[in-house]
Amino acid sequence: MKKYKNLDGNSGIFAWEDGKDYIIVQFSDFEKYLYNYIKPGKTHVEKMKKLAEKGKGLATFINQHVRENYYKKLT
C-alpha cells in the first residue's frame, strides 16, 4: 500500500492501493475497505483514485459522497 500524503495534515486516511477497477483505503484506525466499480461505482472509484494520488481531499470525499457504500471491509 502507498502511504497517503495527507497534504491537509488532518486526514483520517493512512494508506491506499488501487487497481484497474478498485481502490482499497486504509484509515488511521488501520481498518481497510474495498471500493470497486460494483459498489460505490466507477465514477466514485475513479474520483477516489485521483484524490488518493493527489494526497488531498479523499477523506472528505468519502464522508460526503460514499459513506458506508463500500464493497466490503477487509480483515
PDB file of N, CA and C in Angstrom:
ATOM      1  N   MET A   1       0.832  -1.181   0.000  1.00  0.00           N
ATOM      2  CA  MET A   1       0.000   0.000   0.000  1.00  0.00           C
ATOM      3  C   MET A   1       0.879   1.248   0.000  1.00  0.00           C
ATOM      4  N   LYS A   2       0.334   2.317  -0.532  1.00  0.00           N
ATOM      5  CA  LYS A   2       1.039   3.593  -0.577  1.00  0.00           C
ATOM      6  C   LYS A   2       0.570   4.457   0.596  1.00  0.00           C
ATOM      7  N   LYS A   3       1.507   5.069   1.275  1.00  0.00           N
ATOM      8  CA  LYS A   3       1.144   5.960   2.373  1.00  0.00           C
ATOM      9  C   LYS A   3       0.454   7.188   1.795  1.00  0.00           C
ATOM     10  N   TYR A   4      -0.676   7.553   2.390  1.00  0.00           N
ATOM     11  CA  TYR A   4      -1.417   8.727   1.943  1.00  0.00           C
ATOM     12  C   TYR A   4      -0.633   9.981   2.294  1.00  0.00           C
ATOM     13  N   LYS A   5      -0.471  10.895   1.346  1.00  0.00           N
ATOM     14  CA  LYS A   5       0.344  12.101   1.542  1.00  0.00           C
ATOM     15  C   LYS A   5      -0.226  13.035   2.606  1.00  0.00           C
ATOM     16  N   ASN A   6      -1.538  13.083   2.736  1.00  0.00           N
ATOM     17  CA  ASN A   6      -2.193  13.879   3.773  1.00  0.00           C
ATOM     18  C   ASN A   6      -1.720  15.339   3.750  1.00  0.00           C
ATOM     19  N   LEU A   7      -1.846  15.987   2.624  1.00  0.00           N
ATOM     20  CA  LEU A   7      -1.368  17.358   2.458  1.00  0.00           C
ATOM     21  C   LEU A   7      -2.115  18.363   3.339  1.00  0.00           C
ATOM     22  N   ASP A   8      -3.333  18.032   3.737  1.00  0.00           N
ATOM     23  CA  ASP A   8      -4.074  18.914   4.639  1.00  0.00           C
ATOM     24  C   ASP A   8      -3.626  18.751   6.087  1.00  0.00           C
ATOM     25  N   GLY A   9      -2.974  17.613   6.387  1.00  0.00           N
ATOM     26  CA  GLY A   9      -2.426  17.395   7.713  1.00  0.00           C
ATOM     27  C   GLY A   9      -3.385  16.852   8.752  1.00  0.00           C
ATOM     28  N   ASN A  10      -4.631  16.604   8.385  1.00  0.00           N
ATOM     29  CA  ASN A  10      -5.593  16.129   9.380  1.00  0.00           C
ATOM     30  C   ASN A  10      -6.509  15.031   8.842  1.00  0.00           C
ATOM     31  N   SER A  11      -6.040  14.258   7.903  1.00  0.00           N
ATOM     32  CA  SER A  11      -6.866  13.226   7.277  1.00  0.00           C
ATOM     33  C   SER A  11      -6.999  11.992   8.155  1.00  0.00           C
ATOM     34  N   GLY A  12      -8.112  11.322   8.022  1.00  0.00           N
ATOM     35  CA  GLY A  12      -8.334  10.053   8.696  1.00  0.00           C
ATOM     36  C   GLY A  12      -7.840   8.882   7.870  1.00  0.00           C
ATOM     37  N   ILE A  13      -7.154   9.159   6.776  1.00  0.00           N
ATOM     38  CA  ILE A  13      -6.666   8.107   5.889  1.00  0.00           C
ATOM     39  C   ILE A  13      -5.167   7.915   6.089  1.00  0.00           C
ATOM     40  N   PHE A  14      -4.771   6.648   6.185  1.00  0.00           N
ATOM     41  CA  PHE A  14      -3.372   6.301   6.406  1.00  0.00           C
ATOM     42  C   PHE A  14      -2.683   5.862   5.113  1.00  0.00           C
ATOM     43  N   ALA A  15      -3.340   4.985   4.336  1.00  0.00           N
ATOM     44  CA  ALA A  15      -2.717   4.434   3.130  1.00  0.00           C
ATOM     45  C   ALA A  15      -3.790   4.024   2.131  1.00  0.00           C
ATOM     46  N   TRP A  16      -3.343   3.721   0.924  1.00  0.00           N
ATOM     47  CA  TRP A  16      -4.269   3.303  -0.120  1.00  0.00           C
ATOM     48  C   TRP A  16      -3.545   2.452  -1.161  1.00  0.00           C
ATOM     49  N   GLU A  17      -4.345   1.752  -1.937  1.00  0.00           N
ATOM     50  CA  GLU A  17      -3.825   0.894  -3.012  1.00  0.00           C
ATOM     51  C   GLU A  17      -4.908   0.854  -4.077  1.00  0.00           C
ATOM     52  N   ASP A  18      -4.509   0.882  -5.332  1.00  0.00           N
ATOM     53  CA  ASP A  18      -5.534   0.818  -6.371  1.00  0.00           C
ATOM     54  C   ASP A  18      -5.190  -0.190  -7.443  1.00  0.00           C
ATOM     55  N   GLY A  19      -6.201  -0.524  -8.205  1.00  0.00           N
ATOM     56  CA  GLY A  19      -6.072  -1.435  -9.334  1.00  0.00           C
ATOM     57  C   GLY A  19      -6.985  -0.945 -10.437  1.00  0.00           C
ATOM     58  N   LYS A  20      -7.142  -1.742 -11.457  1.00  0.00           N
ATOM     59  CA  LYS A  20      -7.923  -1.348 -12.627  1.00  0.00           C
ATOM     60  C   LYS A  20      -9.327  -0.881 -12.268  1.00  0.00           C
ATOM     61  N   ASP A  21     -10.014  -1.608 -11.396  1.00  0.00           N
ATOM     62  CA  ASP A  21     -11.416  -1.289 -11.113  1.00  0.00           C
ATOM     63  C   ASP A  21     -11.723  -1.180  -9.615  1.00  0.00           C
ATOM     64  N   TYR A  22     -10.711  -0.829  -8.821  1.00  0.00           N
ATOM     65  CA  TYR A  22     -10.930  -0.734  -7.383  1.00  0.00           C
ATOM     66  C   TYR A  22      -9.930   0.196  -6.714  1.00  0.00           C
ATOM     67  N   ILE A  23     -10.253   0.540  -5.474  1.00  0.00           N
ATOM     68  CA  ILE A  23      -9.316   1.206  -4.578  1.00  0.00           C
ATOM     69  C   ILE A  23      -9.547   0.632  -3.181  1.00  0.00           C
ATOM     70  N   ILE A  24      -8.464   0.379  -2.480  1.00  0.00           N
ATOM     71  CA  ILE A  24      -8.527  -0.037  -1.078  1.00  0.00           C
ATOM     72  C   ILE A  24      -8.026   1.140  -0.262  1.00  0.00           C
ATOM     73  N   VAL A  25      -8.794   1.514   0.733  1.00  0.00           N
ATOM     74  CA  VAL A  25      -8.419   2.633   1.597  1.00  0.00           C
ATOM     75  C   VAL A  25      -8.216   2.108   3.011  1.00  0.00           C
ATOM     76  N   GLN A  26      -7.060   2.427   3.585  1.00  0.00           N
ATOM     77  CA  GLN A  26      -6.773   2.078   4.974  1.00  0.00           C
ATOM     78  C   GLN A  26      -6.851   3.365   5.789  1.00  0.00           C
ATOM     79  N   PHE A  27      -7.749   3.359   6.748  1.00  0.00           N
ATOM     80  CA  PHE A  27      -7.957   4.531   7.587  1.00  0.00           C
ATOM     81  C   PHE A  27      -6.960   4.547   8.741  1.00  0.00           C
ATOM     82  N   SER A  28      -6.923   5.644   9.459  1.00  0.00           N
ATOM     83  CA  SER A  28      -5.967   5.817  10.558  1.00  0.00           C
ATOM     84  C   SER A  28      -6.124   4.776  11.659  1.00  0.00           C
ATOM     85  N   ASP A  29      -7.325   4.195  11.785  1.00  0.00           N
ATOM     86  CA  ASP A  29      -7.544   3.132  12.769  1.00  0.00           C
ATOM     87  C   ASP A  29      -7.109   1.769  12.218  1.00  0.00           C
ATOM     88  N   PHE A  30      -6.493   1.781  11.024  1.00  0.00           N
ATOM     89  CA  PHE A  30      -5.955   0.616  10.317  1.00  0.00           C
ATOM     90  C   PHE A  30      -7.024  -0.309   9.747  1.00  0.00           C
ATOM     91  N   GLU A  31      -8.283   0.103   9.775  1.00  0.00           N
ATOM     92  CA  GLU A  31      -9.343  -0.646   9.104  1.00  0.00           C
ATOM     93  C   GLU A  31      -9.207  -0.405   7.600  1.00  0.00           C
ATOM     94  N   LYS A  32      -9.400  -1.472   6.801  1.00  0.00           N
ATOM     95  CA  LYS A  32      -9.285  -1.369   5.350  1.00  0.00           C
ATOM     96  C   LYS A  32     -10.634  -1.655   4.701  1.00  0.00           C
ATOM     97  N   TYR A  33     -10.939  -0.871   3.676  1.00  0.00           N
ATOM     98  CA  TYR A  33     -12.191  -1.018   2.949  1.00  0.00           C
ATOM     99  C   TYR A  33     -11.919  -1.061   1.456  1.00  0.00           C
ATOM    100  N   LEU A  34     -12.640  -1.943   0.775  1.00  0.00           N
ATOM    101  CA  LEU A  34     -12.543  -2.089  -0.669  1.00  0.00           C
ATOM    102  C   LEU A  34     -13.721  -1.375  -1.317  1.00  0.00           C
ATOM    103  N   TYR A  35     -13.402  -0.495  -2.238  1.00  0.00           N
ATOM    104  CA  TYR A  35     -14.401   0.203  -3.039  1.00  0.00           C
ATOM    105  C   TYR A  35     -14.128  -0.196  -4.484  1.00  0.00           C
ATOM    106  N   ASN A  36     -15.172  -0.576  -5.235  1.00  0.00           N
ATOM    107  CA  ASN A  36     -14.928  -1.002  -6.605  1.00  0.00           C
ATOM    108  C   ASN A  36     -16.022  -0.507  -7.548  1.00  0.00           C
ATOM    109  N   TYR A  37     -15.923  -0.927  -8.815  1.00  0.00           N
ATOM    110  CA  TYR A  37     -16.877  -0.469  -9.824  1.00  0.00           C
ATOM    111  C   TYR A  37     -18.294  -0.958  -9.535  1.00  0.00           C
ATOM    112  N   ILE A  38     -18.431  -2.029  -8.751  1.00  0.00           N
ATOM    113  CA  ILE A  38     -19.761  -2.513  -8.380  1.00  0.00           C
ATOM    114  C   ILE A  38     -20.363  -1.606  -7.317  1.00  0.00           C
ATOM    115  N   LYS A  39     -19.568  -1.323  -6.295  1.00  0.00           N
ATOM    116  CA  LYS A  39     -20.037  -0.508  -5.181  1.00  0.00           C
ATOM    117  C   LYS A  39     -18.883   0.302  -4.633  1.00  0.00           C
ATOM    118  N   PRO A  40     -18.852   1.559  -4.711  1.00  0.00           N
ATOM    119  CA  PRO A  40     -19.919   2.513  -4.987  1.00  0.00           C
ATOM    120  C   PRO A  40     -20.088   2.885  -6.457  1.00  0.00           C
ATOM    121  N   GLY A  41     -19.293   2.278  -7.353  1.00  0.00           N
ATOM    122  CA  GLY A  41     -19.430   2.549  -8.778  1.00  0.00           C
ATOM    123  C   GLY A  41     -18.181   3.198  -9.370  1.00  0.00           C
ATOM    124  N   LYS A  42     -18.089   3.098 -10.684  1.00  0.00           N
ATOM    125  CA  LYS A  42     -16.907   3.558 -11.415  1.00  0.00           C
ATOM    126  C   LYS A  42     -16.619   5.042 -11.199  1.00  0.00           C
ATOM    127  N   THR A  43     -17.628   5.889 -11.271  1.00  0.00           N
ATOM    128  CA  THR A  43     -17.419   7.334 -11.138  1.00  0.00           C
ATOM    129  C   THR A  43     -16.785   7.676  -9.805  1.00  0.00           C
ATOM    130  N   HIS A  44     -17.325   7.126  -8.718  1.00  0.00           N
ATOM    131  CA  HIS A  44     -16.779   7.405  -7.390  1.00  0.00           C
ATOM    132  C   HIS A  44     -15.373   6.832  -7.225  1.00  0.00           C
ATOM    133  N   VAL A  45     -15.159   5.622  -7.697  1.00  0.00           N
ATOM    134  CA  VAL A  45     -13.848   4.977  -7.550  1.00  0.00           C
ATOM    135  C   VAL A  45     -12.778   5.765  -8.302  1.00  0.00           C
ATOM    136  N   GLU A  46     -13.070   6.180  -9.507  1.00  0.00           N
ATOM    137  CA  GLU A  46     -12.084   6.939 -10.278  1.00  0.00           C
ATOM    138  C   GLU A  46     -11.777   8.281  -9.624  1.00  0.00           C
ATOM    139  N   LYS A  47     -12.779   8.927  -9.054  1.00  0.00           N
ATOM    140  CA  LYS A  47     -12.552  10.180  -8.323  1.00  0.00           C
ATOM    141  C   LYS A  47     -11.692   9.918  -7.089  1.00  0.00           C
ATOM    142  N   MET A  48     -11.977   8.838  -6.374  1.00  0.00           N
ATOM    143  CA  MET A  48     -11.208   8.479  -5.183  1.00  0.00           C
ATOM    144  C   MET A  48      -9.747   8.210  -5.539  1.00  0.00           C
ATOM    145  N   LYS A  49      -9.490   7.551  -6.664  1.00  0.00           N
ATOM    146  CA  LYS A  49      -8.120   7.286  -7.106  1.00  0.00           C
ATOM    147  C   LYS A  49      -7.370   8.596  -7.347  1.00  0.00           C
ATOM    148  N   LYS A  50      -8.023   9.544  -8.007  1.00  0.00           N
ATOM    149  CA  LYS A  50      -7.386  10.830  -8.293  1.00  0.00           C
ATOM    150  C   LYS A  50      -7.063  11.577  -7.005  1.00  0.00           C
ATOM    151  N   LEU A  51      -7.996  11.576  -6.064  1.00  0.00           N
ATOM    152  CA  LEU A  51      -7.768  12.260  -4.794  1.00  0.00           C
ATOM    153  C   LEU A  51      -6.669  11.568  -3.980  1.00  0.00           C
ATOM    154  N   ALA A  52      -6.633  10.240  -4.036  1.00  0.00           N
ATOM    155  CA  ALA A  52      -5.595   9.486  -3.317  1.00  0.00           C
ATOM    156  C   ALA A  52      -4.222   9.826  -3.878  1.00  0.00           C
ATOM    157  N   GLU A  53      -4.116   9.878  -5.186  1.00  0.00           N
ATOM    158  CA  GLU A  53      -2.845  10.208  -5.826  1.00  0.00           C
ATOM    159  C   GLU A  53      -2.417  11.635  -5.475  1.00  0.00           C
ATOM    160  N   LYS A  54      -3.378  12.523  -5.429  1.00  0.00           N
ATOM    161  CA  LYS A  54      -3.115  13.921  -5.090  1.00  0.00           C
ATOM    162  C   LYS A  54      -2.693  14.074  -3.626  1.00  0.00           C
ATOM    163  N   GLY A  55      -3.233  13.201  -2.759  1.00  0.00           N
ATOM    164  CA  GLY A  55      -2.900  13.267  -1.337  1.00  0.00           C
ATOM    165  C   GLY A  55      -3.708  14.283  -0.571  1.00  0.00           C
ATOM    166  N   LYS A  56      -4.859  14.639  -1.123  1.00  0.00           N
ATOM    167  CA  LYS A  56      -5.683  15.675  -0.508  1.00  0.00           C
ATOM    168  C   LYS A  56      -7.145  15.488  -0.901  1.00  0.00           C
ATOM    169  N   GLY A  57      -8.035  15.523   0.097  1.00  0.00           N
ATOM    170  CA  GLY A  57      -9.465  15.521  -0.183  1.00  0.00           C
ATOM    171  C   GLY A  57     -10.164  14.176  -0.180  1.00  0.00           C
ATOM    172  N   LEU A  58      -9.429  13.093  -0.026  1.00  0.00           N
ATOM    173  CA  LEU A  58     -10.043  11.774  -0.108  1.00  0.00           C
ATOM    174  C   LEU A  58     -10.999  11.501   1.055  1.00  0.00           C
ATOM    175  N   ALA A  59     -10.600  11.798   2.262  1.00  0.00           N
ATOM    176  CA  ALA A  59     -11.474  11.545   3.414  1.00  0.00           C
ATOM    177  C   ALA A  59     -12.750  12.373   3.313  1.00  0.00           C
ATOM    178  N   THR A  60     -12.622  13.620   2.909  1.00  0.00           N
ATOM    179  CA  THR A  60     -13.799  14.481   2.751  1.00  0.00           C
ATOM    180  C   THR A  60     -14.731  13.914   1.694  1.00  0.00           C
ATOM    181  N   PHE A  61     -14.179  13.480   0.575  1.00  0.00           N
ATOM    182  CA  PHE A  61     -14.998  12.900  -0.490  1.00  0.00           C
ATOM    183  C   PHE A  61     -15.736  11.660   0.002  1.00  0.00           C
ATOM    184  N   ILE A  62     -15.024  10.784   0.704  1.00  0.00           N
ATOM    185  CA  ILE A  62     -15.665   9.573   1.233  1.00  0.00           C
ATOM    186  C   ILE A  62     -16.788   9.958   2.196  1.00  0.00           C
ATOM    187  N   ASN A  63     -16.530  10.884   3.086  1.00  0.00           N
ATOM    188  CA  ASN A  63     -17.547  11.301   4.058  1.00  0.00           C
ATOM    189  C   ASN A  63     -18.760  11.943   3.398  1.00  0.00           C
ATOM    190  N   GLN A  64     -18.549  12.700   2.351  1.00  0.00           N
ATOM    191  CA  GLN A  64     -19.648  13.429   1.721  1.00  0.00           C
ATOM    192  C   GLN A  64     -20.397  12.631   0.664  1.00  0.00           C
ATOM    193  N   HIS A  65     -19.715  11.692  -0.018  1.00  0.00           N
ATOM    194  CA  HIS A  65     -20.346  11.044  -1.167  1.00  0.00           C
ATOM    195  C   HIS A  65     -20.457   9.522  -1.092  1.00  0.00           C
ATOM    196  N   VAL A  66     -19.621   8.894  -0.306  1.00  0.00           N
ATOM    197  CA  VAL A  66     -19.581   7.425  -0.315  1.00  0.00           C
ATOM    198  C   VAL A  66     -20.109   6.839   0.981  1.00  0.00           C
ATOM    199  N   ARG A  67     -19.653   7.360   2.108  1.00  0.00           N
ATOM    200  CA  ARG A  67     -20.051   6.911   3.446  1.00  0.00           C
ATOM    201  C   ARG A  67     -19.905   5.400   3.590  1.00  0.00           C
ATOM    202  N   GLU A  68     -20.995   4.708   3.850  1.00  0.00           N
ATOM    203  CA  GLU A  68     -20.978   3.254   4.095  1.00  0.00           C
ATOM    204  C   GLU A  68     -21.134   2.440   2.804  1.00  0.00           C
ATOM    205  N   ASN A  69     -21.069   3.097   1.667  1.00  0.00           N
ATOM    206  CA  ASN A  69     -21.300   2.428   0.391  1.00  0.00           C
ATOM    207  C   ASN A  69     -20.012   1.804  -0.155  1.00  0.00           C
ATOM    208  N   TYR A  70     -19.382   0.957   0.638  1.00  0.00           N
ATOM    209  CA  TYR A  70     -18.181   0.250   0.210  1.00  0.00           C
ATOM    210  C   TYR A  70     -18.551  -1.165  -0.200  1.00  0.00           C
ATOM    211  N   TYR A  71     -17.683  -1.812  -0.984  1.00  0.00           N
ATOM    212  CA  TYR A  71     -17.962  -3.172  -1.425  1.00  0.00           C
ATOM    213  C   TYR A  71     -17.806  -4.152  -0.274  1.00  0.00           C
ATOM    214  N   LYS A  72     -16.682  -4.048   0.459  1.00  0.00           N
ATOM    215  CA  LYS A  72     -16.517  -4.881   1.652  1.00  0.00           C
ATOM    216  C   LYS A  72     -15.411  -4.368   2.531  1.00  0.00           C
ATOM    217  N   LYS A  73     -15.511  -4.729   3.782  1.00  0.00           N
ATOM    218  CA  LYS A  73     -14.477  -4.426   4.767  1.00  0.00           C
ATOM    219  C   LYS A  73     -13.485  -5.587   4.739  1.00  0.00           C
ATOM    220  N   LEU A  74     -12.209  -5.260   4.681  1.00  0.00           N
ATOM    221  CA  LEU A  74     -11.171  -6.287   4.609  1.00  0.00           C
ATOM    222  C   LEU A  74     -10.627  -6.562   6.009  1.00  0.00           C
ATOM    223  N   THR A  75     -10.229  -7.818   6.234  1.00  0.00           N
ATOM    224  CA  THR A  75      -9.702  -8.177   7.548  1.00  0.00           C
ATOM    225  C   THR A  75      -8.209  -8.371   7.483  1.00  0.00           C
TER     226      THR A  75
END
